[in-house]
Amino acid sequence: MRIPPRLVQELTTLWEPIDDEGYLFVGTKGGPLNADFFRKKWFRPAAQRLGLTGATVHMLRHTCASLLIRIGTPITTVSAILGHSGVEITLKTSAHFYVEDSFAAMAKLSDHIDSFTE
């Protein structure tokens, strides 16, 4: 999967001073960052400060999928990015409804209704 150029730039800046044996994301003892430690030490406190009670790291996948769909990314591409075995899983578990999108869709339909009846 391709990493967005903006993120590659930022990660490259962080990665350059690290030798071949080092880690970009490190734990308290300098080894690889433990996912559970990350959740407890960084993610949960940040989410709480933002008022996002009950937020999980996994919710970021759902948000990413929903936003990709919202900006018009083909569902097959979203499914591949998430590593799902098929689009059905993506649609069932990761696609979320935005009420604003329904208003925009109906307005777009209204703009084109005459072309369907001619």
PDB file of N, CA and C in Angstrom:
ATOM      1  N   MET A   1       0.843  -1.162   0.000  1.00  0.00           N
ATOM      2  CA  MET A   1       0.000   0.000   0.000  1.00  0.00           C
ATOM      3  C   MET A   1       0.898   1.237   0.000  1.00  0.00           C
ATOM      4  N   ARG A   2       0.459   2.239  -0.670  1.00  0.00           N
ATOM      5  CA  ARG A   2       1.225   3.474  -0.786  1.00  0.00           C
ATOM      6  C   ARG A   2       0.940   4.395   0.401  1.00  0.00           C
ATOM      7  N   ILE A   3       1.980   4.970   0.948  1.00  0.00           N
ATOM      8  CA  ILE A   3       1.839   5.930   2.038  1.00  0.00           C
ATOM      9  C   ILE A   3       1.750   7.319   1.412  1.00  0.00           C
ATOM     10  N   PRO A   4       0.829   8.158   1.870  1.00  0.00           N
ATOM     11  CA  PRO A   4       0.696   9.503   1.307  1.00  0.00           C
ATOM     12  C   PRO A   4       2.017  10.274   1.366  1.00  0.00           C
ATOM     13  N   PRO A   5       2.359  11.005   0.291  1.00  0.00           N
ATOM     14  CA  PRO A   5       3.641  11.737   0.244  1.00  0.00           C
ATOM     15  C   PRO A   5       3.880  12.654   1.444  1.00  0.00           C
ATOM     16  N   ARG A   6       2.849  13.295   1.924  1.00  0.00           N
ATOM     17  CA  ARG A   6       2.992  14.192   3.083  1.00  0.00           C
ATOM     18  C   ARG A   6       3.496  13.425   4.300  1.00  0.00           C
ATOM     19  N   LEU A   7       2.942  12.227   4.513  1.00  0.00           N
ATOM     20  CA  LEU A   7       3.356  11.407   5.645  1.00  0.00           C
ATOM     21  C   LEU A   7       4.761  10.852   5.427  1.00  0.00           C
ATOM     22  N   VAL A   8       5.092  10.464   4.199  1.00  0.00           N
ATOM     23  CA  VAL A   8       6.441   9.965   3.888  1.00  0.00           C
ATOM     24  C   VAL A   8       7.477  11.031   4.241  1.00  0.00           C
ATOM     25  N   GLN A   9       7.193  12.279   3.886  1.00  0.00           N
ATOM     26  CA  GLN A   9       8.107  13.382   4.193  1.00  0.00           C
ATOM     27  C   GLN A   9       8.345  13.498   5.694  1.00  0.00           C
ATOM     28  N   GLU A  10       7.261  13.481   6.451  1.00  0.00           N
ATOM     29  CA  GLU A  10       7.379  13.629   7.902  1.00  0.00           C
ATOM     30  C   GLU A  10       8.110  12.437   8.534  1.00  0.00           C
ATOM     31  N   LEU A  11       7.790  11.229   8.071  1.00  0.00           N
ATOM     32  CA  LEU A  11       8.445  10.040   8.622  1.00  0.00           C
ATOM     33  C   LEU A  11       9.916   9.988   8.240  1.00  0.00           C
ATOM     34  N   THR A  12      10.255  10.410   7.027  1.00  0.00           N
ATOM     35  CA  THR A  12      11.642  10.419   6.574  1.00  0.00           C
ATOM     36  C   THR A  12      12.484  11.324   7.465  1.00  0.00           C
ATOM     37  N   THR A  13      11.948  12.462   7.802  1.00  0.00           N
ATOM     38  CA  THR A  13      12.658  13.392   8.686  1.00  0.00           C
ATOM     39  C   THR A  13      12.946  12.728  10.034  1.00  0.00           C
ATOM     40  N   LEU A  14      11.993  11.969  10.531  1.00  0.00           N
ATOM     41  CA  LEU A  14      12.180  11.282  11.813  1.00  0.00           C
ATOM     42  C   LEU A  14      13.121  10.081  11.679  1.00  0.00           C
ATOM     43  N   TRP A  15      13.077   9.423  10.529  1.00  0.00           N
ATOM     44  CA  TRP A  15      13.822   8.177  10.324  1.00  0.00           C
ATOM     45  C   TRP A  15      15.308   8.408  10.063  1.00  0.00           C
ATOM     46  N   GLU A  16      15.661   9.511   9.398  1.00  0.00           N
ATOM     47  CA  GLU A  16      17.045   9.750   8.959  1.00  0.00           C
ATOM     48  C   GLU A  16      18.098   9.591  10.055  1.00  0.00           C
ATOM     49  N   PRO A  17      17.875  10.099  11.262  1.00  0.00           N
ATOM     50  CA  PRO A  17      18.936   9.958  12.277  1.00  0.00           C
ATOM     51  C   PRO A  17      19.016   8.579  12.937  1.00  0.00           C
ATOM     52  N   ILE A  18      18.159   7.642  12.561  1.00  0.00           N
ATOM     53  CA  ILE A  18      18.118   6.328  13.212  1.00  0.00           C
ATOM     54  C   ILE A  18      18.961   5.329  12.422  1.00  0.00           C
ATOM     55  N   ASP A  19      19.788   4.561  13.137  1.00  0.00           N
ATOM     56  CA  ASP A  19      20.602   3.553  12.452  1.00  0.00           C
ATOM     57  C   ASP A  19      19.772   2.311  12.121  1.00  0.00           C
ATOM     58  N   ASP A  20      20.393   1.338  11.443  1.00  0.00           N
ATOM     59  CA  ASP A  20      19.696   0.126  10.990  1.00  0.00           C
ATOM     60  C   ASP A  20      19.144  -0.726  12.126  1.00  0.00           C
ATOM     61  N   GLU A  21      19.666  -0.580  13.314  1.00  0.00           N
ATOM     62  CA  GLU A  21      19.222  -1.377  14.452  1.00  0.00           C
ATOM     63  C   GLU A  21      18.177  -0.644  15.302  1.00  0.00           C
ATOM     64  N   GLY A  22      17.907   0.607  14.984  1.00  0.00           N
ATOM     65  CA  GLY A  22      17.014   1.411  15.799  1.00  0.00           C
ATOM     66  C   GLY A  22      15.550   1.270  15.405  1.00  0.00           C
ATOM     67  N   TYR A  23      14.707   1.894  16.179  1.00  0.00           N
ATOM     68  CA  TYR A  23      13.265   1.875  15.950  1.00  0.00           C
ATOM     69  C   TYR A  23      12.757   3.302  15.823  1.00  0.00           C
ATOM     70  N   LEU A  24      11.786   3.492  14.969  1.00  0.00           N
ATOM     71  CA  LEU A  24      11.185   4.810  14.814  1.00  0.00           C
ATOM     72  C   LEU A  24      10.247   5.103  15.986  1.00  0.00           C
ATOM     73  N   PHE A  25       9.456   4.129  16.347  1.00  0.00           N
ATOM     74  CA  PHE A  25       8.530   4.270  17.470  1.00  0.00           C
ATOM     75  C   PHE A  25       9.029   3.367  18.584  1.00  0.00           C
ATOM     76  N   VAL A  26       9.493   3.973  19.667  1.00  0.00           N
ATOM     77  CA  VAL A  26      10.130   3.205  20.734  1.00  0.00           C
ATOM     78  C   VAL A  26       9.334   3.236  22.021  1.00  0.00           C
ATOM     79  N   GLY A  27       9.534   2.188  22.786  1.00  0.00           N
ATOM     80  CA  GLY A  27       8.933   2.100  24.104  1.00  0.00           C
ATOM     81  C   GLY A  27       9.811   2.799  25.129  1.00  0.00           C
ATOM     82  N   THR A  28       9.454   2.689  26.387  1.00  0.00           N
ATOM     83  CA  THR A  28      10.182   3.382  27.452  1.00  0.00           C
ATOM     84  C   THR A  28      11.619   2.885  27.620  1.00  0.00           C
ATOM     85  N   LYS A  29      11.880   1.646  27.216  1.00  0.00           N
ATOM     86  CA  LYS A  29      13.229   1.086  27.374  1.00  0.00           C
ATOM     87  C   LYS A  29      14.038   1.144  26.080  1.00  0.00           C
ATOM     88  N   GLY A  30      13.515   1.846  25.065  1.00  0.00           N
ATOM     89  CA  GLY A  30      14.255   2.000  23.817  1.00  0.00           C
ATOM     90  C   GLY A  30      14.000   0.920  22.796  1.00  0.00           C
ATOM     91  N   GLY A  31      13.234  -0.095  23.160  1.00  0.00           N
ATOM     92  CA  GLY A  31      12.902  -1.167  22.220  1.00  0.00           C
ATOM     93  C   GLY A  31      11.687  -0.789  21.390  1.00  0.00           C
ATOM     94  N   PRO A  32      11.151  -1.752  20.638  1.00  0.00           N
ATOM     95  CA  PRO A  32       9.972  -1.456  19.821  1.00  0.00           C
ATOM     96  C   PRO A  32       8.776  -1.064  20.693  1.00  0.00           C
ATOM     97  N   LEU A  33       7.968  -0.182  20.182  1.00  0.00           N
ATOM     98  CA  LEU A  33       6.793   0.297  20.901  1.00  0.00           C
ATOM     99  C   LEU A  33       5.763  -0.812  21.024  1.00  0.00           C
ATOM    100  N   ASN A  34       5.345  -1.083  22.229  1.00  0.00           N
ATOM    101  CA  ASN A  34       4.328  -2.086  22.512  1.00  0.00           C
ATOM    102  C   ASN A  34       2.960  -1.461  22.284  1.00  0.00           C
ATOM    103  N   ALA A  35       2.106  -2.131  21.531  1.00  0.00           N
ATOM    104  CA  ALA A  35       0.786  -1.581  21.193  1.00  0.00           C
ATOM    105  C   ALA A  35      -0.056  -1.300  22.437  1.00  0.00           C
ATOM    106  N   ASP A  36      -0.007  -2.179  23.421  1.00  0.00           N
ATOM    107  CA  ASP A  36      -0.792  -1.979  24.634  1.00  0.00           C
ATOM    108  C   ASP A  36      -0.281  -0.757  25.405  1.00  0.00           C
ATOM    109  N   PHE A  37       1.035  -0.612  25.474  1.00  0.00           N
ATOM    110  CA  PHE A  37       1.631   0.550  26.134  1.00  0.00           C
ATOM    111  C   PHE A  37       1.212   1.827  25.414  1.00  0.00           C
ATOM    112  N   PHE A  38       1.250   1.809  24.085  1.00  0.00           N
ATOM    113  CA  PHE A  38       0.844   2.979  23.297  1.00  0.00           C
ATOM    114  C   PHE A  38      -0.593   3.380  23.612  1.00  0.00           C
ATOM    115  N   ARG A  39      -1.476   2.383  23.651  1.00  0.00           N
ATOM    116  CA  ARG A  39      -2.885   2.676  23.954  1.00  0.00           C
ATOM    117  C   ARG A  39      -3.043   3.318  25.322  1.00  0.00           C
ATOM    118  N   LYS A  40      -2.396   2.720  26.315  1.00  0.00           N
ATOM    119  CA  LYS A  40      -2.551   3.211  27.688  1.00  0.00           C
ATOM    120  C   LYS A  40      -1.854   4.546  27.917  1.00  0.00           C
ATOM    121  N   LYS A  41      -0.652   4.680  27.419  1.00  0.00           N
ATOM    122  CA  LYS A  41       0.165   5.871  27.700  1.00  0.00           C
ATOM    123  C   LYS A  41      -0.204   7.073  26.833  1.00  0.00           C
ATOM    124  N   TRP A  42      -0.537   6.832  25.558  1.00  0.00           N
ATOM    125  CA  TRP A  42      -0.720   7.944  24.632  1.00  0.00           C
ATOM    126  C   TRP A  42      -2.128   8.072  24.064  1.00  0.00           C
ATOM    127  N   PHE A  43      -2.670   6.965  23.539  1.00  0.00           N
ATOM    128  CA  PHE A  43      -3.949   7.074  22.830  1.00  0.00           C
ATOM    129  C   PHE A  43      -5.108   7.414  23.764  1.00  0.00           C
ATOM    130  N   ARG A  44      -5.296   6.646  24.816  1.00  0.00           N
ATOM    131  CA  ARG A  44      -6.424   6.899  25.732  1.00  0.00           C
ATOM    132  C   ARG A  44      -6.394   8.306  26.338  1.00  0.00           C
ATOM    133  N   PRO A  45      -5.235   8.744  26.862  1.00  0.00           N
ATOM    134  CA  PRO A  45      -5.215  10.107  27.415  1.00  0.00           C
ATOM    135  C   PRO A  45      -5.529  11.179  26.367  1.00  0.00           C
ATOM    136  N   ALA A  46      -5.026  11.004  25.155  1.00  0.00           N
ATOM    137  CA  ALA A  46      -5.308  11.986  24.091  1.00  0.00           C
ATOM    138  C   ALA A  46      -6.790  11.985  23.750  1.00  0.00           C
ATOM    139  N   ALA A  47      -7.375  10.797  23.639  1.00  0.00           N
ATOM    140  CA  ALA A  47      -8.803  10.694  23.333  1.00  0.00           C
ATOM    141  C   ALA A  47      -9.645  11.313  24.440  1.00  0.00           C
ATOM    142  N   GLN A  48      -9.256  11.072  25.679  1.00  0.00           N
ATOM    143  CA  GLN A  48      -9.997  11.644  26.810  1.00  0.00           C
ATOM    144  C   GLN A  48      -9.918  13.168  26.808  1.00  0.00           C
ATOM    145  N   ARG A  49      -8.739  13.716  26.519  1.00  0.00           N
ATOM    146  CA  ARG A  49      -8.594  15.175  26.464  1.00  0.00           C
ATOM    147  C   ARG A  49      -9.471  15.779  25.375  1.00  0.00           C
ATOM    148  N   LEU A  50      -9.721  15.005  24.319  1.00  0.00           N
ATOM    149  CA  LEU A  50     -10.576  15.467  23.226  1.00  0.00           C
ATOM    150  C   LEU A  50     -12.049  15.183  23.498  1.00  0.00           C
ATOM    151  N   GLY A  51     -12.331  14.533  24.612  1.00  0.00           N
ATOM    152  CA  GLY A  51     -13.717  14.215  24.954  1.00  0.00           C
ATOM    153  C   GLY A  51     -14.262  13.014  24.208  1.00  0.00           C
ATOM    154  N   LEU A  52     -13.383  12.171  23.698  1.00  0.00           N
ATOM    155  CA  LEU A  52     -13.800  10.986  22.933  1.00  0.00           C
ATOM    156  C   LEU A  52     -13.825   9.773  23.855  1.00  0.00           C
ATOM    157  N   THR A  53     -14.832   9.697  24.698  1.00  0.00           N
ATOM    158  CA  THR A  53     -14.922   8.577  25.628  1.00  0.00           C
ATOM    159  C   THR A  53     -15.218   7.290  24.866  1.00  0.00           C
ATOM    160  N   GLY A  54     -14.537   6.252  25.245  1.00  0.00           N
ATOM    161  CA  GLY A  54     -14.739   4.957  24.606  1.00  0.00           C
ATOM    162  C   GLY A  54     -14.021   4.802  23.268  1.00  0.00           C
ATOM    163  N   ALA A  55     -13.226   5.774  22.878  1.00  0.00           N
ATOM    164  CA  ALA A  55     -12.512   5.689  21.598  1.00  0.00           C
ATOM    165  C   ALA A  55     -11.435   4.611  21.669  1.00  0.00           C
ATOM    166  N   THR A  56     -11.246   3.905  20.554  1.00  0.00           N
ATOM    167  CA  THR A  56     -10.207   2.885  20.464  1.00  0.00           C
ATOM    168  C   THR A  56      -9.364   3.142  19.224  1.00  0.00           C
ATOM    169  N   VAL A  57      -8.171   2.583  19.210  1.00  0.00           N
ATOM    170  CA  VAL A  57      -7.300   2.716  18.046  1.00  0.00           C
ATOM    171  C   VAL A  57      -7.983   2.109  16.821  1.00  0.00           C
ATOM    172  N   HIS A  58      -8.697   1.019  17.028  1.00  0.00           N
ATOM    173  CA  HIS A  58      -9.373   0.350  15.907  1.00  0.00           C
ATOM    174  C   HIS A  58     -10.420   1.253  15.254  1.00  0.00           C
ATOM    175  N   MET A  59     -10.995   2.162  16.045  1.00  0.00           N
ATOM    176  CA  MET A  59     -11.985   3.089  15.483  1.00  0.00           C
ATOM    177  C   MET A  59     -11.360   3.970  14.394  1.00  0.00           C
ATOM    178  N   LEU A  60     -10.044   4.158  14.449  1.00  0.00           N
ATOM    179  CA  LEU A  60      -9.367   4.956  13.424  1.00  0.00           C
ATOM    180  C   LEU A  60      -9.493   4.291  12.051  1.00  0.00           C
ATOM    181  N   ARG A  61      -9.504   2.954  12.018  1.00  0.00           N
ATOM    182  CA  ARG A  61      -9.711   2.230  10.755  1.00  0.00           C
ATOM    183  C   ARG A  61     -11.094   2.523  10.184  1.00  0.00           C
ATOM    184  N   HIS A  62     -12.102   2.502  11.062  1.00  0.00           N
ATOM    185  CA  HIS A  62     -13.470   2.778  10.622  1.00  0.00           C
ATOM    186  C   HIS A  62     -13.592   4.214  10.116  1.00  0.00           C
ATOM    187  N   THR A  63     -12.971   5.136  10.836  1.00  0.00           N
ATOM    188  CA  THR A  63     -13.005   6.540  10.421  1.00  0.00           C
ATOM    189  C   THR A  63     -12.323   6.708   9.077  1.00  0.00           C
ATOM    190  N   CYS A  64     -11.166   6.092   8.907  1.00  0.00           N
ATOM    191  CA  CYS A  64     -10.440   6.166   7.636  1.00  0.00           C
ATOM    192  C   CYS A  64     -11.309   5.632   6.506  1.00  0.00           C
ATOM    193  N   ALA A  65     -11.917   4.471   6.704  1.00  0.00           N
ATOM    194  CA  ALA A  65     -12.758   3.871   5.665  1.00  0.00           C
ATOM    195  C   ALA A  65     -13.934   4.779   5.329  1.00  0.00           C
ATOM    196  N   SER A  66     -14.605   5.286   6.341  1.00  0.00           N
ATOM    197  CA  SER A  66     -15.769   6.147   6.101  1.00  0.00           C
ATOM    198  C   SER A  66     -15.388   7.416   5.366  1.00  0.00           C
ATOM    199  N   LEU A  67     -14.276   8.007   5.748  1.00  0.00           N
ATOM    200  CA  LEU A  67     -13.845   9.236   5.069  1.00  0.00           C
ATOM    201  C   LEU A  67     -13.410   8.961   3.635  1.00  0.00           C
ATOM    202  N   LEU A  68     -12.740   7.837   3.405  1.00  0.00           N
ATOM    203  CA  LEU A  68     -12.364   7.478   2.030  1.00  0.00           C
ATOM    204  C   LEU A  68     -13.611   7.307   1.164  1.00  0.00           C
ATOM    205  N   ILE A  69     -14.611   6.632   1.709  1.00  0.00           N
ATOM    206  CA  ILE A  69     -15.866   6.454   0.966  1.00  0.00           C
ATOM    207  C   ILE A  69     -16.523   7.806   0.736  1.00  0.00           C
ATOM    208  N   ARG A  70     -16.515   8.643   1.738  1.00  0.00           N
ATOM    209  CA  ARG A  70     -17.156   9.959   1.650  1.00  0.00           C
ATOM    210  C   ARG A  70     -16.535  10.837   0.567  1.00  0.00           C
ATOM    211  N   ILE A  71     -15.223  10.694   0.350  1.00  0.00           N
ATOM    212  CA  ILE A  71     -14.576  11.517  -0.687  1.00  0.00           C
ATOM    213  C   ILE A  71     -14.605  10.850  -2.053  1.00  0.00           C
ATOM    214  N   GLY A  72     -15.348   9.749  -2.144  1.00  0.00           N
ATOM    215  CA  GLY A  72     -15.565   9.136  -3.451  1.00  0.00           C
ATOM    216  C   GLY A  72     -14.592   8.051  -3.851  1.00  0.00           C
ATOM    217  N   THR A  73     -13.834   7.517  -2.917  1.00  0.00           N
ATOM    218  CA  THR A  73     -12.898   6.441  -3.210  1.00  0.00           C
ATOM    219  C   THR A  73     -13.685   5.173  -3.532  1.00  0.00           C
ATOM    220  N   PRO A  74     -13.368   4.480  -4.616  1.00  0.00           N
ATOM    221  CA  PRO A  74     -14.080   3.236  -4.934  1.00  0.00           C
ATOM    222  C   PRO A  74     -13.997   2.245  -3.765  1.00  0.00           C
ATOM    223  N   ILE A  75     -15.098   1.575  -3.500  1.00  0.00           N
ATOM    224  CA  ILE A  75     -15.158   0.653  -2.360  1.00  0.00           C
ATOM    225  C   ILE A  75     -14.126  -0.462  -2.482  1.00  0.00           C
ATOM    226  N   THR A  76     -13.792  -0.852  -3.707  1.00  0.00           N
ATOM    227  CA  THR A  76     -12.766  -1.887  -3.893  1.00  0.00           C
ATOM    228  C   THR A  76     -11.402  -1.380  -3.407  1.00  0.00           C
ATOM    229  N   THR A  77     -11.127  -0.116  -3.613  1.00  0.00           N
ATOM    230  CA  THR A  77      -9.871   0.476  -3.161  1.00  0.00           C
ATOM    231  C   THR A  77      -9.853   0.581  -1.639  1.00  0.00           C
ATOM    232  N   VAL A  78     -10.951   1.021  -1.057  1.00  0.00           N
ATOM    233  CA  VAL A  78     -11.048   1.119   0.402  1.00  0.00           C
ATOM    234  C   VAL A  78     -10.828  -0.264   1.021  1.00  0.00           C
ATOM    235  N   SER A  79     -11.458  -1.264   0.453  1.00  0.00           N
ATOM    236  CA  SER A  79     -11.332  -2.628   0.945  1.00  0.00           C
ATOM    237  C   SER A  79      -9.872  -3.101   0.891  1.00  0.00           C
ATOM    238  N   ALA A  80      -9.190  -2.792  -0.202  1.00  0.00           N
ATOM    239  CA  ALA A  80      -7.782  -3.184  -0.346  1.00  0.00           C
ATOM    240  C   ALA A  80      -6.894  -2.455   0.661  1.00  0.00           C
ATOM    241  N   ILE A  81      -7.139  -1.173   0.858  1.00  0.00           N
ATOM    242  CA  ILE A  81      -6.355  -0.395   1.820  1.00  0.00           C
ATOM    243  C   ILE A  81      -6.481  -0.995   3.213  1.00  0.00           C
ATOM    244  N   LEU A  82      -7.691  -1.411   3.586  1.00  0.00           N
ATOM    245  CA  LEU A  82      -7.925  -1.981   4.912  1.00  0.00           C
ATOM    246  C   LEU A  82      -7.486  -3.437   5.017  1.00  0.00           C
ATOM    247  N   GLY A  83      -7.185  -4.060   3.884  1.00  0.00           N
ATOM    248  CA  GLY A  83      -6.763  -5.451   3.905  1.00  0.00           C
ATOM    249  C   GLY A  83      -7.907  -6.428   4.085  1.00  0.00           C
ATOM    250  N   HIS A  84      -9.118  -6.009   3.733  1.00  0.00           N
ATOM    251  CA  HIS A  84     -10.270  -6.901   3.838  1.00  0.00           C
ATOM    252  C   HIS A  84     -10.271  -7.911   2.700  1.00  0.00           C
ATOM    253  N   SER A  85     -10.883  -9.059   2.932  1.00  0.00           N
ATOM    254  CA  SER A  85     -10.934 -10.107   1.908  1.00  0.00           C
ATOM    255  C   SER A  85     -11.970  -9.811   0.833  1.00  0.00           C
ATOM    256  N   GLY A  86     -12.877  -8.887   1.106  1.00  0.00           N
ATOM    257  CA  GLY A  86     -13.886  -8.526   0.113  1.00  0.00           C
ATOM    258  C   GLY A  86     -14.593  -7.244   0.499  1.00  0.00           C
ATOM    259  N   VAL A  87     -15.263  -6.631  -0.482  1.00  0.00           N
ATOM    260  CA  VAL A  87     -15.943  -5.359  -0.227  1.00  0.00           C
ATOM    261  C   VAL A  87     -17.117  -5.508   0.729  1.00  0.00           C
ATOM    262  N   GLU A  88     -17.685  -6.707   0.815  1.00  0.00           N
ATOM    263  CA  GLU A  88     -18.814  -6.923   1.714  1.00  0.00           C
ATOM    264  C   GLU A  88     -18.416  -6.637   3.157  1.00  0.00           C
ATOM    265  N   ILE A  89     -17.230  -7.077   3.537  1.00  0.00           N
ATOM    266  CA  ILE A  89     -16.732  -6.846   4.897  1.00  0.00           C
ATOM    267  C   ILE A  89     -16.541  -5.349   5.125  1.00  0.00           C
ATOM    268  N   THR A  90     -15.993  -4.679   4.141  1.00  0.00           N
ATOM    269  CA  THR A  90     -15.770  -3.234   4.259  1.00  0.00           C
ATOM    270  C   THR A  90     -17.091  -2.513   4.447  1.00  0.00           C
ATOM    271  N   LEU A  91     -18.070  -2.835   3.632  1.00  0.00           N
ATOM    272  CA  LEU A  91     -19.364  -2.167   3.725  1.00  0.00           C
ATOM    273  C   LEU A  91     -20.081  -2.486   5.032  1.00  0.00           C
ATOM    274  N   LYS A  92     -19.949  -3.725   5.486  1.00  0.00           N
ATOM    275  CA  LYS A  92     -20.662  -4.150   6.690  1.00  0.00           C
ATOM    276  C   LYS A  92     -20.031  -3.603   7.973  1.00  0.00           C
ATOM    277  N   THR A  93     -18.701  -3.512   7.998  1.00  0.00           N
ATOM    278  CA  THR A  93     -18.033  -3.174   9.264  1.00  0.00           C
ATOM    279  C   THR A  93     -17.414  -1.786   9.322  1.00  0.00           C
ATOM    280  N   SER A  94     -17.120  -1.194   8.191  1.00  0.00           N
ATOM    281  CA  SER A  94     -16.325   0.030   8.229  1.00  0.00           C
ATOM    282  C   SER A  94     -16.984   1.253   7.612  1.00  0.00           C
ATOM    283  N   ALA A  95     -18.017   1.082   6.843  1.00  0.00           N
ATOM    284  CA  ALA A  95     -18.656   2.225   6.188  1.00  0.00           C
ATOM    285  C   ALA A  95     -19.736   2.786   7.106  1.00  0.00           C
ATOM    286  N   HIS A  96     -19.666   4.072   7.348  1.00  0.00           N
ATOM    287  CA  HIS A  96     -20.624   4.714   8.246  1.00  0.00           C
ATOM    288  C   HIS A  96     -21.391   5.803   7.504  1.00  0.00           C
ATOM    289  N   PHE A  97     -22.600   6.050   7.960  1.00  0.00           N
ATOM    290  CA  PHE A  97     -23.512   6.999   7.332  1.00  0.00           C
ATOM    291  C   PHE A  97     -23.263   8.414   7.853  1.00  0.00           C
ATOM    292  N   TYR A  98     -23.200   9.365   6.945  1.00  0.00           N
ATOM    293  CA  TYR A  98     -23.117  10.781   7.298  1.00  0.00           C
ATOM    294  C   TYR A  98     -24.380  11.444   6.762  1.00  0.00           C
ATOM    295  N   VAL A  99     -25.175  12.019   7.646  1.00  0.00           N
ATOM    296  CA  VAL A  99     -26.456  12.605   7.243  1.00  0.00           C
ATOM    297  C   VAL A  99     -26.248  13.720   6.209  1.00  0.00           C
ATOM    298  N   GLU A 100     -25.164  14.473   6.320  1.00  0.00           N
ATOM    299  CA  GLU A 100     -24.899  15.546   5.351  1.00  0.00           C
ATOM    300  C   GLU A 100     -24.770  14.994   3.932  1.00  0.00           C
ATOM    301  N   ASP A 101     -24.235  13.766   3.832  1.00  0.00           N
ATOM    302  CA  ASP A 101     -24.085  13.153   2.513  1.00  0.00           C
ATOM    303  C   ASP A 101     -25.442  12.856   1.888  1.00  0.00           C
ATOM    304  N   SER A 102     -26.428  12.502   2.709  1.00  0.00           N
ATOM    305  CA  SER A 102     -27.755  12.223   2.152  1.00  0.00           C
ATOM    306  C   SER A 102     -28.370  13.514   1.616  1.00  0.00           C
ATOM    307  N   PHE A 103     -28.160  14.637   2.297  1.00  0.00           N
ATOM    308  CA  PHE A 103     -28.672  15.923   1.801  1.00  0.00           C
ATOM    309  C   PHE A 103     -28.002  16.276   0.474  1.00  0.00           C
ATOM    310  N   ALA A 104     -26.690  16.086   0.420  1.00  0.00           N
ATOM    311  CA  ALA A 104     -25.949  16.400  -0.814  1.00  0.00           C
ATOM    312  C   ALA A 104     -26.392  15.486  -1.958  1.00  0.00           C
ATOM    313  N   ALA A 105     -26.616  14.209  -1.653  1.00  0.00           N
ATOM    314  CA  ALA A 105     -27.047  13.271  -2.693  1.00  0.00           C
ATOM    315  C   ALA A 105     -28.419  13.643  -3.232  1.00  0.00           C
ATOM    316  N   MET A 106     -29.328  13.998  -2.349  1.00  0.00           N
ATOM    317  CA  MET A 106     -30.675  14.371  -2.793  1.00  0.00           C
ATOM    318  C   MET A 106     -30.658  15.686  -3.581  1.00  0.00           C
ATOM    319  N   ALA A 107     -29.804  16.617  -3.189  1.00  0.00           N
ATOM    320  CA  ALA A 107     -29.674  17.871  -3.944  1.00  0.00           C
ATOM    321  C   ALA A 107     -29.110  17.590  -5.333  1.00  0.00           C
ATOM    322  N   LYS A 108     -28.149  16.704  -5.414  1.00  0.00           N
ATOM    323  CA  LYS A 108     -27.560  16.338  -6.703  1.00  0.00           C
ATOM    324  C   LYS A 108     -28.601  15.644  -7.581  1.00  0.00           C
ATOM    325  N   LEU A 109     -29.383  14.760  -6.984  1.00  0.00           N
ATOM    326  CA  LEU A 109     -30.454  14.092  -7.714  1.00  0.00           C
ATOM    327  C   LEU A 109     -31.451  15.120  -8.231  1.00  0.00           C
ATOM    328  N   SER A 110     -31.802  16.071  -7.406  1.00  0.00           N
ATOM    329  CA  SER A 110     -32.738  17.118  -7.794  1.00  0.00           C
ATOM    330  C   SER A 110     -32.208  17.915  -8.988  1.00  0.00           C
ATOM    331  N   ASP A 111     -30.897  18.194  -8.965  1.00  0.00           N
ATOM    332  CA  ASP A 111     -30.274  18.939 -10.065  1.00  0.00           C
ATOM    333  C   ASP A 111     -30.335  18.176 -11.386  1.00  0.00           C
ATOM    334  N   HIS A 112     -30.416  16.849 -11.319  1.00  0.00           N
ATOM    335  CA  HIS A 112     -30.354  16.024 -12.520  1.00  0.00           C
ATOM    336  C   HIS A 112     -31.678  15.333 -12.862  1.00  0.00           C
ATOM    337  N   ILE A 113     -32.715  15.564 -12.105  1.00  0.00           N
ATOM    338  CA  ILE A 113     -33.973  14.815 -12.266  1.00  0.00           C
ATOM    339  C   ILE A 113     -34.551  14.965 -13.651  1.00  0.00           C
ATOM    340  N   ASP A 114     -34.469  16.168 -14.229  1.00  0.00           N
ATOM    341  CA  ASP A 114     -35.027  16.372 -15.567  1.00  0.00           C
ATOM    342  C   ASP A 114     -34.340  15.505 -16.615  1.00  0.00           C
ATOM    343  N   SER A 115     -33.051  15.237 -16.466  1.00  0.00           N
ATOM    344  CA  SER A 115     -32.344  14.440 -17.461  1.00  0.00           C
ATOM    345  C   SER A 115     -32.818  12.987 -17.446  1.00  0.00           C
ATOM    346  N   PHE A 116     -33.426  12.534 -16.352  1.00  0.00           N
ATOM    347  CA  PHE A 116     -33.904  11.166 -16.267  1.00  0.00           C
ATOM    348  C   PHE A 116     -35.293  11.000 -16.899  1.00  0.00           C
ATOM    349  N   THR A 117     -36.027  12.079 -17.015  1.00  0.00           N
ATOM    350  CA  THR A 117     -37.405  11.984 -17.500  1.00  0.00           C
ATOM    351  C   THR A 117     -37.572  12.479 -18.937  1.00  0.00           C
ATOM    352  N   GLU A 118     -36.492  12.911 -19.542  1.00  0.00           N
ATOM    353  CA  GLU A 118     -36.590  13.415 -20.933  1.00  0.00           C
ATOM    354  C   GLU A 118     -36.582  12.293 -21.922  1.00  0.00           C
TER     355      GLU A 118
END
